[in-house]
Amino acid sequence: MKFSLLNEPNLEFANSNTSLCPKDGIRRLTPYDMGLVRPQSVKLGVIGRSDSVDPILEWIEKGRHFIEAKKSKQVKLFPSFMGFQTDNGFCSTIEFDDSYIRKIKNTEFDEIYKAESEHAIIERAVDLYLADIKFLAKNKDPDVILVVVPETFIQRLNPKAKEEAEEEEAEELPDDDGALDEKYLEVNFRRMLKAAAMKHHIPIQIVRDRITKPSGEMQDEASIAWNFYTALYYKASGTPWGLTKNASSIVCYAGISFYKSRDRSTTQTSIAQIFNELGKGVILRGEDPVKVSKQDPIPHLTDEQAFRLLDRGLAEYKEAIDIFPQRLVVHKTSNFTDDESAGFIAAAKKNNIAALDLVTIHQRTQFRLFRDGRYPPLRGSLFSFDNHNYLLYTRGSVPYFETYPGKYIPHPLQIRFFSNDESPEIICNEILGLTKMNWNNTQFDRRFPITIECARKVGDILKYLPLGEQEIELRYSFYM
C-alpha cells in the first residue's frame, strides 16, 4: 500500500499561459482560443414568458459589467465577475435585437396547465418553446438560444427543486442499471426539450428566471454569472480553457455508459464520447441493444459491440480532429468483461493506437481516508492497494481555495486498472485534470471526470431520441 498526493493539474489559456483555476485564467490570461477562430460575439436568441424574459434581459445587460464578489474570507473561491465584454476576460460580447426575442403570452403558457396529466403538461410546454426555437433557427442565426423557464412552472412539476439552473450538483451519479425514480426518468422537461430541439442544430441554454434574484440557497450573483457566461461561450463554439498538453503524445479520452429507454424496459444502448485535451470530441451511441442477464443486472457489451462502438468513435474522432490519437484512455463506471476488453483492444489495434488504457471509475467504495485533526483529505490524495486498485480524492480540501468547498463529506473514487500501458499515477492525474473540464461550472473541483459526466448526460437526452428517429448531434454542447 502506498499514499501520494497528486499536484493540482494546470489549465491552459491564451498564449500557452497556465493557471490552476478557470476563473483566474480567464480573468487574467483570456480564453485559450484567443488569436484562433473564436466567438468574438455571441448572438443570442431568447424565448420565454413576457414576465420572465424582461428581467432576464436586464440581468444579461448587468452581466456585461463588473459584478462584485460576495463577502467571504475565501476570495479565490468567490471572485468577482469582470463582465462579459470585449476588452477583458472572455473578450467577447452578447448580441441580439428585438427580432431575436420571442415572448410567449402568459395566457398561452397558462393553457398548458389544463392538460390532464403532468406528462401532458410537459409535452405541451416543450411544444410551446419548440415552436419559437424553430422560428429562430429558420429565420435568424443565433449561436445559442436561451430558454427561460418560469420558477412557477418548475415548482409545480417538482416542488423539491432547489438548485439553480439545470446543473445537477449531486455528489453521486445513478448506477448503470438506471436505478432512479421512474417518474423522473420518464417525464423530464429539460431532457425532452433538449432532445426535441436538437433537430434545429442550435444549442440551447435552459435557465430558470429566478437567477435574476438569487435566494439564499442559490449561488451568489458573481458565481452565477461566471457559470452562465462560460457555458454560453462554450456553446457558441468557444474554447474557454484546455488541459496542458503532453507534447510527445496525442491522447484522447473516451467515456462509456449505458442508459435505459424511457419505458424502463430491459433494452439498453451504449454511448461513448471521445475528448482531446481541449474538450473537443464526438457523441456516439451503440447501434444494437445491450443484453442484460438475470445473473448480472449490470449491462455489458459483447466483443463485437465493443469493437464497433470504439471503431466508429475513432473514425469520427479522426474526421473531427483530423488525426488519430497515439494513445487512448477508456473510462467506464462498471468493470470491463473479457469480451469488452477484447473488443476495445481489437479496435485500438485496427486504428494503429500505440497505447490503450482501460480504466474503471467506481463512485461507491467502503474505504475512506482521514487526516488526523484536520479538514477532509486533500483533493488529489491517491492511495494504492496494489498495482490495479487505487483510491482517488477528486473532492476534498483544496489548498488554492484554502478550504474544503463542498457541502458533504467527500467520498473517494475507486480506480481499477484492467489494462494499462501508462502508469497508474499518470492516469489518475489525468482523471483529476478531466474533472476540471466541465464548462457548466467554473469551480474546478468536480467529483467526476468529464468523460463520465458527459456519458451520463448524453444518455439522459438520447433516451428521448429513439434509434432511427433523427440524427443526433455530435457536439457535447447540445447535451450540457
Protein backbone atom coordinates (compact mmCIF):
# COMPACT_ATOMS: atom_id res chain seq x y z
CA MET A 1 0.00 0.00 0.00
CA LYS A 2 1.19 3.46 -0.86
CA PHE A 3 -0.04 7.04 -0.36
CA SER A 4 0.85 10.01 -2.54
CA LEU A 5 -0.51 13.47 -3.26
CA LEU A 6 -1.05 14.46 -6.88
CA ASN A 7 -0.36 18.02 -7.93
CA GLU A 8 -3.37 20.07 -8.98
CA PRO A 9 -3.36 19.95 -12.81
CA ASN A 10 -2.83 23.21 -14.64
CA LEU A 11 -5.23 24.56 -17.26
CA GLU A 12 -4.02 26.27 -20.40
CA PHE A 13 -5.24 29.67 -21.59
CA ALA A 14 -4.16 32.13 -24.29
CA ASN A 15 -0.53 32.06 -25.47
CA SER A 16 0.17 28.83 -23.54
CA ASN A 17 -0.19 30.60 -20.19
CA THR A 18 -1.46 28.44 -17.34
CA SER A 19 -3.47 28.69 -14.15
CA LEU A 20 -4.97 26.22 -11.71
CA CYS A 21 -8.37 27.94 -11.79
CA PRO A 22 -10.71 28.61 -14.76
CA LYS A 23 -11.90 31.93 -13.32
CA ASP A 24 -8.41 33.19 -12.60
CA GLY A 25 -7.19 32.10 -16.03
CA ILE A 26 -9.99 33.74 -17.99
CA ARG A 27 -9.80 36.96 -15.97
CA ARG A 28 -6.00 37.35 -16.14
CA LEU A 29 -4.97 35.43 -19.24
CA THR A 30 -8.08 35.40 -21.53
CA PRO A 31 -9.53 32.21 -23.09
CA TYR A 32 -7.46 29.51 -24.72
CA ASP A 33 -8.70 30.31 -28.23
CA MET A 34 -7.59 33.96 -28.34
CA GLY A 35 -5.97 34.50 -31.72
CA LEU A 36 -7.79 31.48 -33.15
CA VAL A 37 -11.25 31.07 -34.64
CA ARG A 38 -13.47 32.02 -31.70
CA PRO A 39 -16.78 33.73 -30.81
CA GLN A 40 -15.83 37.40 -30.62
CA SER A 41 -19.54 37.91 -30.05
CA VAL A 42 -22.34 35.54 -29.08
CA LYS A 43 -25.59 36.06 -30.97
CA LEU A 44 -28.29 35.16 -28.51
CA GLY A 45 -31.91 34.18 -29.10
CA VAL A 46 -34.24 34.45 -26.09
CA ILE A 47 -37.55 32.63 -25.54
CA GLY A 48 -39.86 32.79 -22.55
CA ARG A 49 -42.93 34.27 -20.93
CA SER A 50 -43.13 38.04 -21.07
CA ASP A 51 -42.84 38.40 -17.32
CA SER A 52 -39.73 36.16 -17.33
CA VAL A 53 -37.93 37.49 -20.40
CA ASP A 54 -37.79 41.17 -19.39
CA PRO A 55 -35.98 40.53 -16.06
CA ILE A 56 -33.60 38.12 -17.81
CA LEU A 57 -32.71 40.74 -20.42
CA GLU A 58 -31.99 43.23 -17.64
CA TRP A 59 -29.84 40.60 -15.92
CA ILE A 60 -27.90 39.93 -19.15
CA GLU A 61 -27.29 43.66 -19.51
CA LYS A 62 -25.99 43.73 -15.95
CA GLY A 63 -23.66 40.83 -16.79
CA ARG A 64 -21.86 42.96 -19.38
CA HIS A 65 -20.33 44.86 -16.46
CA PHE A 66 -18.46 44.17 -13.26
CA ILE A 67 -20.34 42.14 -10.61
CA GLU A 68 -18.92 42.37 -7.13
CA ALA A 69 -18.00 39.18 -5.28
CA LYS A 70 -19.92 38.16 -2.22
CA LYS A 71 -18.28 38.89 1.10
CA SER A 72 -16.14 35.90 2.05
CA LYS A 73 -12.74 35.06 3.52
CA GLN A 74 -12.27 32.64 0.57
CA VAL A 75 -11.65 35.30 -2.08
CA LYS A 76 -10.31 32.76 -4.60
CA LEU A 77 -13.41 30.60 -4.22
CA PHE A 78 -15.76 33.56 -4.70
CA PRO A 79 -14.09 36.05 -7.05
CA SER A 80 -15.89 38.97 -8.65
CA PHE A 81 -17.05 38.72 -12.27
CA MET A 82 -15.28 41.13 -14.59
CA GLY A 83 -18.20 41.39 -17.02
CA PHE A 84 -18.79 39.78 -20.40
CA GLN A 85 -17.18 42.42 -22.60
CA THR A 86 -14.69 42.81 -25.43
CA ASP A 87 -11.78 44.45 -23.64
CA ASN A 88 -11.05 41.88 -20.92
CA GLY A 89 -11.93 38.43 -19.62
CA PHE A 90 -13.74 36.50 -22.35
CA CYS A 91 -13.05 39.33 -24.82
CA SER A 92 -16.48 38.78 -26.31
CA THR A 93 -19.92 40.33 -26.08
CA ILE A 94 -23.59 39.36 -26.24
CA GLU A 95 -25.51 40.47 -29.35
CA PHE A 96 -29.24 40.40 -30.08
CA ASP A 97 -32.04 42.70 -31.11
CA ASP A 98 -35.82 42.61 -30.68
CA SER A 99 -36.21 40.20 -33.60
CA TYR A 100 -34.20 37.59 -31.64
CA ILE A 101 -36.60 37.77 -28.68
CA ARG A 102 -39.68 35.53 -28.72
CA LYS A 103 -42.15 36.21 -25.93
CA ILE A 104 -44.72 33.59 -25.03
CA LYS A 105 -48.00 35.11 -23.93
CA ASN A 106 -48.88 34.45 -20.31
CA THR A 107 -52.32 33.23 -21.35
CA GLU A 108 -50.70 30.79 -23.80
CA PHE A 109 -48.45 29.42 -21.09
CA ASP A 110 -51.29 29.12 -18.60
CA GLU A 111 -53.20 26.95 -21.09
CA ILE A 112 -50.69 24.13 -20.70
CA TYR A 113 -51.77 23.60 -17.09
CA LYS A 114 -55.20 22.49 -18.30
CA ALA A 115 -53.73 19.22 -19.54
CA GLU A 116 -54.91 16.10 -17.73
CA SER A 117 -51.53 14.79 -16.59
CA GLU A 118 -48.07 16.00 -15.65
CA HIS A 119 -46.73 14.22 -18.71
CA ALA A 120 -49.13 16.12 -20.96
CA ILE A 121 -48.23 19.43 -19.27
CA ILE A 122 -44.54 18.84 -20.01
CA GLU A 123 -45.23 17.85 -23.62
CA ARG A 124 -47.32 20.99 -24.17
CA ALA A 125 -44.60 23.16 -22.62
CA VAL A 126 -41.97 21.56 -24.85
CA ASP A 127 -44.13 22.19 -27.94
CA LEU A 128 -44.64 25.81 -26.88
CA TYR A 129 -40.91 26.52 -26.63
CA LEU A 130 -40.09 24.35 -29.64
CA ALA A 131 -42.25 26.48 -31.95
CA ASP A 132 -40.14 29.56 -31.17
CA ILE A 133 -36.87 27.60 -31.34
CA LYS A 134 -37.89 26.52 -34.84
CA PHE A 135 -38.72 30.12 -35.79
CA LEU A 136 -35.34 31.46 -34.63
CA ALA A 137 -33.46 28.61 -36.29
CA LYS A 138 -35.30 29.15 -39.59
CA ASN A 139 -35.39 32.95 -39.73
CA LYS A 140 -32.41 34.09 -37.64
CA ASP A 141 -28.90 32.83 -36.96
CA PRO A 142 -28.33 32.77 -33.18
CA ASP A 143 -25.27 30.99 -31.80
CA VAL A 144 -27.19 29.93 -28.70
CA ILE A 145 -30.89 30.06 -27.81
CA LEU A 146 -31.73 30.97 -24.21
CA VAL A 147 -34.83 29.16 -22.95
CA VAL A 148 -36.20 30.99 -19.91
CA VAL A 149 -38.37 28.83 -17.68
CA PRO A 150 -40.57 30.41 -15.01
CA GLU A 151 -39.95 29.25 -11.47
CA THR A 152 -43.69 28.67 -11.00
CA PHE A 153 -43.52 26.01 -13.73
CA ILE A 154 -40.54 24.25 -12.12
CA GLN A 155 -42.12 24.27 -8.68
CA ARG A 156 -45.40 22.90 -10.00
CA LEU A 157 -43.63 19.94 -11.60
CA ASN A 158 -41.04 19.43 -8.89
CA PRO A 159 -41.76 21.23 -5.60
CA LYS A 160 -38.47 19.91 -4.14
CA ALA A 161 -36.30 21.59 -6.79
CA LYS A 162 -33.62 23.63 -5.03
CA GLU A 163 -30.52 24.09 -7.19
CA GLU A 164 -30.48 26.96 -9.66
CA ALA A 165 -30.46 26.43 -13.43
CA GLU A 166 -30.33 22.95 -14.95
CA GLU A 167 -26.99 21.98 -13.49
CA GLU A 168 -27.23 18.81 -11.39
CA GLU A 169 -24.86 19.06 -8.46
CA ALA A 170 -25.45 15.63 -6.94
CA GLU A 171 -22.43 14.06 -5.29
CA GLU A 172 -23.26 10.74 -6.94
CA LEU A 173 -24.38 9.63 -10.37
CA PRO A 174 -27.02 6.94 -10.92
CA ASP A 175 -25.83 3.36 -11.25
CA ASP A 176 -25.55 1.80 -14.68
CA ASP A 177 -28.74 -0.15 -14.01
CA GLY A 178 -30.63 3.16 -14.17
CA ALA A 179 -32.00 2.90 -10.64
CA LEU A 180 -33.68 6.30 -10.48
CA ASP A 181 -37.21 7.34 -9.70
CA GLU A 182 -39.32 6.07 -12.61
CA LYS A 183 -41.42 9.19 -12.88
CA TYR A 184 -38.36 11.41 -13.11
CA LEU A 185 -36.81 9.28 -15.81
CA GLU A 186 -39.89 9.11 -17.99
CA VAL A 187 -41.10 12.69 -17.73
CA ASN A 188 -38.37 15.31 -17.69
CA PHE A 189 -38.87 18.73 -19.27
CA ARG A 190 -35.20 19.58 -19.69
CA ARG A 191 -34.25 16.30 -21.34
CA MET A 192 -37.30 16.22 -23.59
CA LEU A 193 -36.74 19.79 -24.79
CA LYS A 194 -33.01 19.27 -25.40
CA ALA A 195 -33.78 16.20 -27.48
CA ALA A 196 -36.62 17.83 -29.43
CA ALA A 197 -34.61 20.99 -30.17
CA MET A 198 -31.61 19.07 -31.50
CA LYS A 199 -33.07 18.79 -35.00
CA HIS A 200 -32.77 22.58 -35.36
CA HIS A 201 -28.97 22.40 -34.86
CA ILE A 202 -28.59 25.32 -32.44
CA PRO A 203 -27.50 24.67 -28.82
CA ILE A 204 -29.98 25.81 -26.18
CA GLN A 205 -29.29 27.05 -22.66
CA ILE A 206 -32.13 26.49 -20.20
CA VAL A 207 -32.30 28.95 -17.31
CA ARG A 208 -34.82 29.48 -14.56
CA ASP A 209 -35.98 33.06 -14.24
CA ARG A 210 -35.13 33.14 -10.57
CA ILE A 211 -31.43 33.62 -11.35
CA THR A 212 -32.21 37.33 -11.65
CA LYS A 213 -32.89 37.43 -7.90
CA PRO A 214 -30.86 34.60 -6.30
CA SER A 215 -32.17 33.41 -2.97
CA GLY A 216 -30.14 32.24 0.00
CA GLU A 217 -29.77 28.60 -1.07
CA MET A 218 -28.53 29.62 -4.52
CA GLN A 219 -25.07 30.67 -5.61
CA ASP A 220 -24.09 34.32 -5.34
CA GLU A 221 -24.57 36.68 -8.30
CA ALA A 222 -20.93 36.65 -9.41
CA SER A 223 -20.70 32.82 -9.35
CA ILE A 224 -23.92 32.51 -11.35
CA ALA A 225 -22.54 34.94 -13.93
CA TRP A 226 -19.26 33.02 -14.19
CA ASN A 227 -21.04 29.73 -14.87
CA PHE A 228 -23.67 31.22 -17.19
CA TYR A 229 -21.29 33.12 -19.48
CA THR A 230 -18.73 30.31 -19.58
CA ALA A 231 -21.46 27.93 -20.77
CA LEU A 232 -22.62 30.44 -23.41
CA TYR A 233 -19.07 30.96 -24.68
CA TYR A 234 -18.51 27.20 -24.97
CA LYS A 235 -21.87 26.57 -26.64
CA ALA A 236 -21.04 29.28 -29.18
CA SER A 237 -18.06 27.05 -30.17
CA GLY A 238 -15.52 28.80 -27.94
CA THR A 239 -12.73 27.06 -26.03
CA PRO A 240 -12.50 28.73 -22.61
CA TRP A 241 -9.57 26.60 -21.45
CA GLY A 242 -7.79 23.31 -22.10
CA LEU A 243 -5.65 20.83 -20.24
CA THR A 244 -1.92 21.33 -20.55
CA LYS A 245 -0.75 19.11 -23.38
CA ASN A 246 1.89 16.42 -23.41
CA ALA A 247 3.89 17.42 -26.46
CA SER A 248 5.21 13.89 -27.00
CA SER A 249 1.84 12.17 -27.35
CA ILE A 250 -1.65 12.78 -28.76
CA VAL A 251 -4.09 11.43 -26.19
CA CYS A 252 -7.85 11.12 -26.32
CA TYR A 253 -10.29 10.02 -23.64
CA ALA A 254 -13.50 8.04 -24.16
CA GLY A 255 -16.35 7.60 -21.69
CA ILE A 256 -18.62 4.54 -21.88
CA SER A 257 -22.01 4.42 -20.19
CA PHE A 258 -25.43 2.81 -20.55
CA TYR A 259 -28.98 4.06 -20.28
CA LYS A 260 -32.46 2.59 -20.18
CA SER A 261 -35.21 3.50 -22.55
CA ARG A 262 -37.95 5.82 -21.29
CA ASP A 263 -40.34 2.92 -20.77
CA ARG A 264 -37.83 1.31 -18.38
CA SER A 265 -37.64 -1.87 -20.47
CA THR A 266 -34.60 -4.11 -20.23
CA THR A 267 -33.26 -2.83 -23.57
CA GLN A 268 -30.26 -0.55 -23.21
CA THR A 269 -28.00 1.18 -25.64
CA SER A 270 -24.41 2.15 -25.04
CA ILE A 271 -22.99 5.60 -25.66
CA ALA A 272 -19.48 6.93 -25.95
CA GLN A 273 -17.69 10.18 -26.49
CA ILE A 274 -14.09 10.99 -27.13
CA PHE A 275 -12.33 14.14 -25.96
CA ASN A 276 -8.90 15.59 -26.51
CA GLU A 277 -7.20 17.96 -24.07
CA LEU A 278 -9.41 20.84 -25.32
CA GLY A 279 -12.67 19.03 -24.70
CA LYS A 280 -13.29 18.63 -28.42
CA GLY A 281 -14.90 15.33 -29.25
CA VAL A 282 -17.85 13.43 -30.63
CA ILE A 283 -21.02 11.87 -29.25
CA LEU A 284 -22.00 8.36 -30.30
CA ARG A 285 -24.42 5.67 -29.30
CA GLY A 286 -24.31 1.95 -29.90
CA GLU A 287 -26.19 0.55 -32.84
CA ASP A 288 -27.58 -2.52 -31.06
CA PRO A 289 -29.43 -3.10 -27.78
CA VAL A 290 -27.31 -4.35 -24.91
CA LYS A 291 -28.44 -7.58 -23.28
CA VAL A 292 -28.64 -7.91 -19.51
CA SER A 293 -28.72 -11.30 -17.80
CA LYS A 294 -30.58 -12.14 -14.62
CA GLN A 295 -27.29 -13.26 -13.10
CA ASP A 296 -25.68 -9.87 -13.75
CA PRO A 297 -28.01 -6.82 -13.86
CA ILE A 298 -25.17 -4.53 -14.98
CA PRO A 299 -25.16 -4.13 -18.78
CA HIS A 300 -22.09 -5.15 -20.74
CA LEU A 301 -21.09 -5.07 -24.39
CA THR A 302 -20.27 -8.12 -26.45
CA ASP A 303 -16.83 -8.17 -28.02
CA GLU A 304 -18.36 -7.26 -31.39
CA GLN A 305 -20.36 -4.36 -29.90
CA ALA A 306 -17.31 -3.05 -28.09
CA PHE A 307 -15.25 -3.26 -31.28
CA ARG A 308 -17.82 -1.49 -33.47
CA LEU A 309 -18.51 1.24 -30.92
CA LEU A 310 -14.86 2.17 -30.43
CA ASP A 311 -14.03 1.75 -34.12
CA ARG A 312 -16.83 4.18 -35.04
CA GLY A 313 -15.71 6.54 -32.31
CA LEU A 314 -12.14 6.64 -33.57
CA ALA A 315 -13.33 7.18 -37.16
CA GLU A 316 -15.46 10.15 -36.04
CA TYR A 317 -12.56 11.44 -33.95
CA LYS A 318 -10.27 11.31 -36.99
CA GLU A 319 -12.82 13.21 -39.06
CA ALA A 320 -13.38 15.86 -36.37
CA ILE A 321 -9.80 16.31 -35.16
CA ASP A 322 -8.07 15.32 -38.43
CA ILE A 323 -5.61 12.95 -36.77
CA PHE A 324 -5.66 9.62 -34.98
CA PRO A 325 -4.54 9.63 -31.34
CA GLN A 326 -1.40 7.81 -30.32
CA ARG A 327 -2.90 6.81 -27.00
CA LEU A 328 -6.49 6.08 -26.00
CA VAL A 329 -7.91 6.02 -22.45
CA VAL A 330 -11.33 4.40 -21.95
CA HIS A 331 -13.28 5.25 -18.78
CA LYS A 332 -16.21 3.16 -17.57
CA THR A 333 -18.18 3.06 -14.29
CA SER A 334 -18.53 -0.74 -14.33
CA ASN A 335 -15.90 -3.44 -14.60
CA PHE A 336 -14.62 -4.47 -18.01
CA THR A 337 -15.53 -8.01 -19.04
CA ASP A 338 -13.13 -10.13 -21.06
CA ASP A 339 -15.35 -9.63 -24.12
CA GLU A 340 -15.37 -5.84 -23.73
CA SER A 341 -11.60 -5.72 -23.26
CA ALA A 342 -11.05 -7.92 -26.32
CA GLY A 343 -13.32 -5.72 -28.46
CA PHE A 344 -11.69 -2.47 -27.37
CA ILE A 345 -8.18 -3.85 -27.84
CA ALA A 346 -9.06 -5.08 -31.34
CA ALA A 347 -10.47 -1.65 -32.32
CA ALA A 348 -7.35 0.07 -30.99
CA LYS A 349 -5.09 -2.25 -32.98
CA LYS A 350 -7.10 -1.73 -36.16
CA ASN A 351 -6.68 2.04 -35.84
CA ASN A 352 -2.96 1.84 -35.00
CA ILE A 353 -3.35 3.11 -31.44
CA ALA A 354 0.05 2.66 -29.81
CA ALA A 355 -1.15 2.61 -26.19
CA LEU A 356 -4.51 1.72 -24.60
CA ASP A 357 -5.68 2.14 -21.01
CA LEU A 358 -8.94 0.51 -19.83
CA VAL A 359 -9.95 2.12 -16.55
CA THR A 360 -12.97 1.59 -14.31
CA ILE A 361 -14.07 4.51 -12.13
CA HIS A 362 -16.30 3.32 -9.29
CA GLN A 363 -18.16 6.05 -7.43
CA ARG A 364 -19.01 3.92 -4.39
CA THR A 365 -16.43 2.34 -2.12
CA GLN A 366 -16.40 1.35 1.54
CA PHE A 367 -12.92 2.81 2.02
CA ARG A 368 -12.12 6.29 3.33
CA LEU A 369 -9.00 8.22 4.23
CA PHE A 370 -8.81 10.55 7.23
CA ARG A 371 -6.49 13.39 8.18
CA ASP A 372 -5.84 13.43 11.90
CA GLY A 373 -7.40 16.56 13.40
CA ARG A 374 -7.67 18.29 10.01
CA TYR A 375 -10.17 19.04 7.27
CA PRO A 376 -11.07 16.25 4.82
CA PRO A 377 -8.24 14.69 2.79
CA LEU A 378 -6.70 16.96 0.21
CA ARG A 379 -8.02 16.84 -3.34
CA GLY A 380 -5.50 14.72 -5.24
CA SER A 381 -4.91 12.29 -2.39
CA LEU A 382 -4.06 8.94 -4.00
CA PHE A 383 -3.90 5.64 -2.15
CA SER A 384 -2.93 2.33 -3.78
CA PHE A 385 -3.94 -1.11 -2.51
CA ASP A 386 -1.91 -2.83 -5.24
CA ASN A 387 -0.94 -2.18 -8.86
CA HIS A 388 -4.54 -2.39 -10.05
CA ASN A 389 -6.70 -0.76 -7.34
CA TYR A 390 -6.50 2.85 -6.16
CA LEU A 391 -8.48 5.41 -4.19
CA LEU A 392 -8.51 8.95 -5.60
CA TYR A 393 -9.97 12.01 -3.88
CA THR A 394 -11.21 14.36 -6.61
CA ARG A 395 -13.11 16.29 -3.96
CA GLY A 396 -11.56 17.37 -0.69
CA SER A 397 -9.67 20.24 0.86
CA VAL A 398 -8.24 22.48 -1.85
CA PRO A 399 -5.12 24.49 -0.94
CA TYR A 400 -5.85 27.00 -3.73
CA PHE A 401 -9.21 27.80 -2.12
CA GLU A 402 -7.77 27.49 1.42
CA THR A 403 -10.83 25.45 2.43
CA TYR A 404 -12.97 22.45 1.62
CA PRO A 405 -15.63 23.95 -0.69
CA GLY A 406 -18.13 21.06 -0.63
CA LYS A 407 -21.42 20.57 1.19
CA TYR A 408 -20.95 16.91 2.03
CA ILE A 409 -18.27 14.62 3.41
CA PRO A 410 -16.21 13.82 0.30
CA HIS A 411 -16.05 10.23 -0.92
CA PRO A 412 -13.12 8.98 -2.98
CA LEU A 413 -13.41 7.32 -6.35
CA GLN A 414 -12.13 3.78 -6.62
CA ILE A 415 -9.95 3.47 -9.72
CA ARG A 416 -9.39 -0.01 -11.15
CA PHE A 417 -6.99 -0.79 -14.00
CA PHE A 418 -7.98 -3.68 -16.27
CA SER A 419 -5.33 -2.91 -18.85
CA ASN A 420 -2.88 -0.04 -18.88
CA ASP A 421 0.15 0.94 -20.90
CA GLU A 422 0.65 4.18 -18.94
CA SER A 423 1.50 4.33 -15.24
CA PRO A 424 -1.45 4.40 -12.78
CA GLU A 425 -0.20 7.68 -11.27
CA ILE A 426 -0.25 9.46 -14.63
CA ILE A 427 -3.70 8.06 -15.44
CA CYS A 428 -5.06 9.21 -12.06
CA ASN A 429 -3.54 12.65 -12.60
CA GLU A 430 -5.36 12.79 -15.95
CA ILE A 431 -8.63 11.88 -14.22
CA LEU A 432 -8.02 14.74 -11.80
CA GLY A 433 -7.45 17.07 -14.75
CA LEU A 434 -10.58 15.88 -16.55
CA THR A 435 -12.69 16.86 -13.53
CA LYS A 436 -11.81 20.47 -14.46
CA MET A 437 -13.23 20.21 -17.99
CA ASN A 438 -16.90 20.91 -17.22
CA TRP A 439 -17.97 24.14 -18.93
CA ASN A 440 -21.21 24.37 -16.96
CA ASN A 441 -19.30 25.05 -13.77
CA THR A 442 -16.16 27.11 -13.18
CA GLN A 443 -15.45 25.72 -9.71
CA PHE A 444 -12.77 23.26 -10.66
CA ASP A 445 -13.14 20.55 -8.00
CA ARG A 446 -15.80 18.42 -9.69
CA ARG A 447 -16.06 14.83 -8.50
CA PHE A 448 -16.23 13.06 -11.85
CA PRO A 449 -14.11 13.45 -14.98
CA ILE A 450 -15.89 14.98 -17.98
CA THR A 451 -15.81 11.60 -19.75
CA ILE A 452 -18.14 10.07 -17.16
CA GLU A 453 -20.29 13.19 -16.58
CA CYS A 454 -20.79 13.65 -20.29
CA ALA A 455 -21.65 9.98 -20.85
CA ARG A 456 -24.43 10.19 -18.28
CA LYS A 457 -25.87 13.47 -19.53
CA VAL A 458 -25.81 12.32 -23.13
CA GLY A 459 -27.70 9.17 -22.18
CA ASP A 460 -30.31 11.26 -20.37
CA ILE A 461 -31.02 13.11 -23.61
CA LEU A 462 -30.69 10.23 -26.06
CA LYS A 463 -33.39 8.20 -24.36
CA TYR A 464 -35.80 10.80 -25.76
CA LEU A 465 -34.48 10.16 -29.28
CA PRO A 466 -35.35 6.59 -30.29
CA LEU A 467 -32.96 4.90 -32.70
CA GLY A 468 -33.63 5.90 -36.31
CA GLU A 469 -35.86 8.86 -35.38
CA GLN A 470 -33.31 11.51 -36.32
CA GLU A 471 -29.57 12.02 -36.50
CA ILE A 472 -28.00 13.00 -33.20
CA GLU A 473 -25.69 15.98 -32.75
CA LEU A 474 -22.04 15.07 -32.28
CA ARG A 475 -21.07 18.06 -30.12
CA TYR A 476 -21.35 17.91 -26.33
CA SER A 477 -22.71 21.48 -26.24
CA PHE A 478 -26.11 20.13 -27.33
CA TYR A 479 -26.33 17.90 -24.25
CA MET A 480 -24.95 20.05 -21.41
